[in-house]
Amino acid sequence: MCEPIHVELPCSFDAAGLAGFLEARGLRVTVKSCEEQCELEVGFAVDPDVRLHQEVEAALSAWLAEGDHALVPSLDRRHEYVLRPPGD
């Protein structure tokens, strides 16, 4: 698992807004406030391995949708993608 990244900023600059912006992009954010300084701890919202599978699946779907490829993606028992002709 990756170590979280820390972001410091003055609390007057909308730390909660930045946290929401990052969360909308699939990141996990914890805001720690003290008087005038805020710290955001940022990490992956899901396990990096799961996130990799999601990104690969989305990329394969986009590639298949954009091209003239008569292939259907499926996941085999080893959690690897196989591109096959429909009905195969």
C-alpha atoms as a PDB file:
ATOM      1  CA  MET A   1       0.000   0.000   0.000  1.00  0.00           C
ATOM      2  CA  CYS A   2       1.292   3.455  -0.854  1.00  0.00           C
ATOM      3  CA  GLU A   3       2.069   5.948   1.859  1.00  0.00           C
ATOM      4  CA  PRO A   4      -0.404   8.873   1.939  1.00  0.00           C
ATOM      5  CA  ILE A   5       0.607  12.287   0.644  1.00  0.00           C
ATOM      6  CA  HIS A   6       0.312  15.283   2.956  1.00  0.00           C
ATOM      7  CA  VAL A   7      -0.848  18.670   1.682  1.00  0.00           C
ATOM      8  CA  GLU A   8      -0.670  21.720   3.938  1.00  0.00           C
ATOM      9  CA  LEU A   9      -2.519  24.977   3.318  1.00  0.00           C
ATOM     10  CA  PRO A  10      -4.002  27.857   5.280  1.00  0.00           C
ATOM     11  CA  CYS A  11      -7.502  26.914   6.469  1.00  0.00           C
ATOM     12  CA  SER A  12      -8.804  30.159   4.996  1.00  0.00           C
ATOM     13  CA  PHE A  13      -8.237  28.656   1.511  1.00  0.00           C
ATOM     14  CA  ASP A  14     -11.152  26.151   1.682  1.00  0.00           C
ATOM     15  CA  ALA A  15      -9.491  22.900   2.701  1.00  0.00           C
ATOM     16  CA  ALA A  16     -12.896  21.177   2.671  1.00  0.00           C
ATOM     17  CA  GLY A  17     -13.443  22.283  -0.941  1.00  0.00           C
ATOM     18  CA  LEU A  18     -10.069  20.879  -1.974  1.00  0.00           C
ATOM     19  CA  ALA A  19     -10.834  17.645  -0.121  1.00  0.00           C
ATOM     20  CA  GLY A  20     -14.137  17.284  -1.985  1.00  0.00           C
ATOM     21  CA  PHE A  21     -12.418  17.989  -5.298  1.00  0.00           C
ATOM     22  CA  LEU A  22      -9.849  15.244  -4.648  1.00  0.00           C
ATOM     23  CA  GLU A  23     -12.473  12.779  -3.394  1.00  0.00           C
ATOM     24  CA  ALA A  24     -14.475  13.267  -6.604  1.00  0.00           C
ATOM     25  CA  ARG A  25     -11.400  11.959  -8.434  1.00  0.00           C
ATOM     26  CA  GLY A  26     -11.295   8.696  -6.509  1.00  0.00           C
ATOM     27  CA  LEU A  27      -8.927   9.703  -3.731  1.00  0.00           C
ATOM     28  CA  ARG A  28      -9.390   9.251   0.013  1.00  0.00           C
ATOM     29  CA  VAL A  29      -8.844  12.465   1.968  1.00  0.00           C
ATOM     30  CA  THR A  30      -8.610  13.143   5.697  1.00  0.00           C
ATOM     31  CA  VAL A  31      -8.594  16.786   6.811  1.00  0.00           C
ATOM     32  CA  LYS A  32      -6.711  17.653   9.987  1.00  0.00           C
ATOM     33  CA  SER A  33      -7.230  21.214  11.180  1.00  0.00           C
ATOM     34  CA  CYS A  34      -5.561  23.338  13.788  1.00  0.00           C
ATOM     35  CA  GLU A  35      -6.159  27.035  14.277  1.00  0.00           C
ATOM     36  CA  GLU A  36      -4.870  28.600  11.029  1.00  0.00           C
ATOM     37  CA  GLN A  37      -3.193  25.641   9.297  1.00  0.00           C
ATOM     38  CA  CYS A  38      -4.889  22.621   7.692  1.00  0.00           C
ATOM     39  CA  GLU A  39      -3.328  19.373   6.571  1.00  0.00           C
ATOM     40  CA  LEU A  40      -4.906  16.968   4.110  1.00  0.00           C
ATOM     41  CA  GLU A  41      -3.802  13.351   4.092  1.00  0.00           C
ATOM     42  CA  VAL A  42      -4.410  11.953   0.608  1.00  0.00           C
ATOM     43  CA  GLY A  43      -4.327   8.330  -0.523  1.00  0.00           C
ATOM     44  CA  PHE A  44      -6.108   5.940  -2.837  1.00  0.00           C
ATOM     45  CA  ALA A  45      -9.792   5.428  -2.068  1.00  0.00           C
ATOM     46  CA  VAL A  46      -9.494   1.765  -3.066  1.00  0.00           C
ATOM     47  CA  ASP A  47      -6.644  -0.703  -2.969  1.00  0.00           C
ATOM     48  CA  PRO A  48      -4.126   0.129  -5.753  1.00  0.00           C
ATOM     49  CA  ASP A  49      -4.502  -3.378  -7.252  1.00  0.00           C
ATOM     50  CA  VAL A  50      -8.278  -2.960  -7.476  1.00  0.00           C
ATOM     51  CA  ARG A  51      -7.823   0.506  -8.940  1.00  0.00           C
ATOM     52  CA  LEU A  52      -5.424  -0.873 -11.577  1.00  0.00           C
ATOM     53  CA  HIS A  53      -8.002  -3.466 -12.636  1.00  0.00           C
ATOM     54  CA  GLN A  54     -10.687  -0.760 -12.852  1.00  0.00           C
ATOM     55  CA  GLU A  55      -8.464   1.470 -14.996  1.00  0.00           C
ATOM     56  CA  VAL A  56      -7.431  -1.384 -17.305  1.00  0.00           C
ATOM     57  CA  GLU A  57     -11.069  -2.449 -17.712  1.00  0.00           C
ATOM     58  CA  ALA A  58     -12.116   1.121 -18.535  1.00  0.00           C
ATOM     59  CA  ALA A  59      -9.238   1.499 -21.025  1.00  0.00           C
ATOM     60  CA  LEU A  60     -10.103  -1.793 -22.753  1.00  0.00           C
ATOM     61  CA  SER A  61     -13.767  -0.788 -22.977  1.00  0.00           C
ATOM     62  CA  ALA A  62     -12.842   2.603 -24.457  1.00  0.00           C
ATOM     63  CA  TRP A  63     -10.472   1.009 -26.990  1.00  0.00           C
ATOM     64  CA  LEU A  64     -13.113  -1.508 -28.052  1.00  0.00           C
ATOM     65  CA  ALA A  65     -15.792   1.209 -28.294  1.00  0.00           C
ATOM     66  CA  GLU A  66     -13.617   3.564 -30.372  1.00  0.00           C
ATOM     67  CA  GLY A  67     -12.416   1.009 -32.890  1.00  0.00           C
ATOM     68  CA  ASP A  68     -13.984  -1.540 -35.164  1.00  0.00           C
ATOM     69  CA  HIS A  69     -13.045  -4.486 -32.966  1.00  0.00           C
ATOM     70  CA  ALA A  70     -15.380  -7.454 -32.847  1.00  0.00           C
ATOM     71  CA  LEU A  71     -14.088  -8.571 -29.464  1.00  0.00           C
ATOM     72  CA  VAL A  72     -15.644  -9.015 -26.038  1.00  0.00           C
ATOM     73  CA  PRO A  73     -13.537  -8.728 -22.869  1.00  0.00           C
ATOM     74  CA  SER A  74     -13.864 -11.412 -20.223  1.00  0.00           C
ATOM     75  CA  LEU A  75     -12.024 -12.107 -16.998  1.00  0.00           C
ATOM     76  CA  ASP A  76     -10.453 -15.541 -16.626  1.00  0.00           C
ATOM     77  CA  ARG A  77      -9.980 -17.340 -13.325  1.00  0.00           C
ATOM     78  CA  ARG A  78      -6.500 -15.846 -12.837  1.00  0.00           C
ATOM     79  CA  HIS A  79      -7.951 -12.323 -12.937  1.00  0.00           C
ATOM     80  CA  GLU A  80      -6.507 -11.609 -16.375  1.00  0.00           C
ATOM     81  CA  TYR A  81      -8.494 -10.152 -19.255  1.00  0.00           C
ATOM     82  CA  VAL A  82      -9.093 -12.156 -22.401  1.00  0.00           C
ATOM     83  CA  LEU A  83     -10.428 -10.477 -25.566  1.00  0.00           C
ATOM     84  CA  ARG A  84     -12.539 -12.947 -27.566  1.00  0.00           C
ATOM     85  CA  PRO A  85     -14.850 -12.814 -30.549  1.00  0.00           C
ATOM     86  CA  PRO A  86     -18.532 -12.737 -29.481  1.00  0.00           C
ATOM     87  CA  GLY A  87     -19.964 -16.216 -28.882  1.00  0.00           C
ATOM     88  CA  ASP A  88     -16.516 -17.787 -28.569  1.00  0.00           C
END
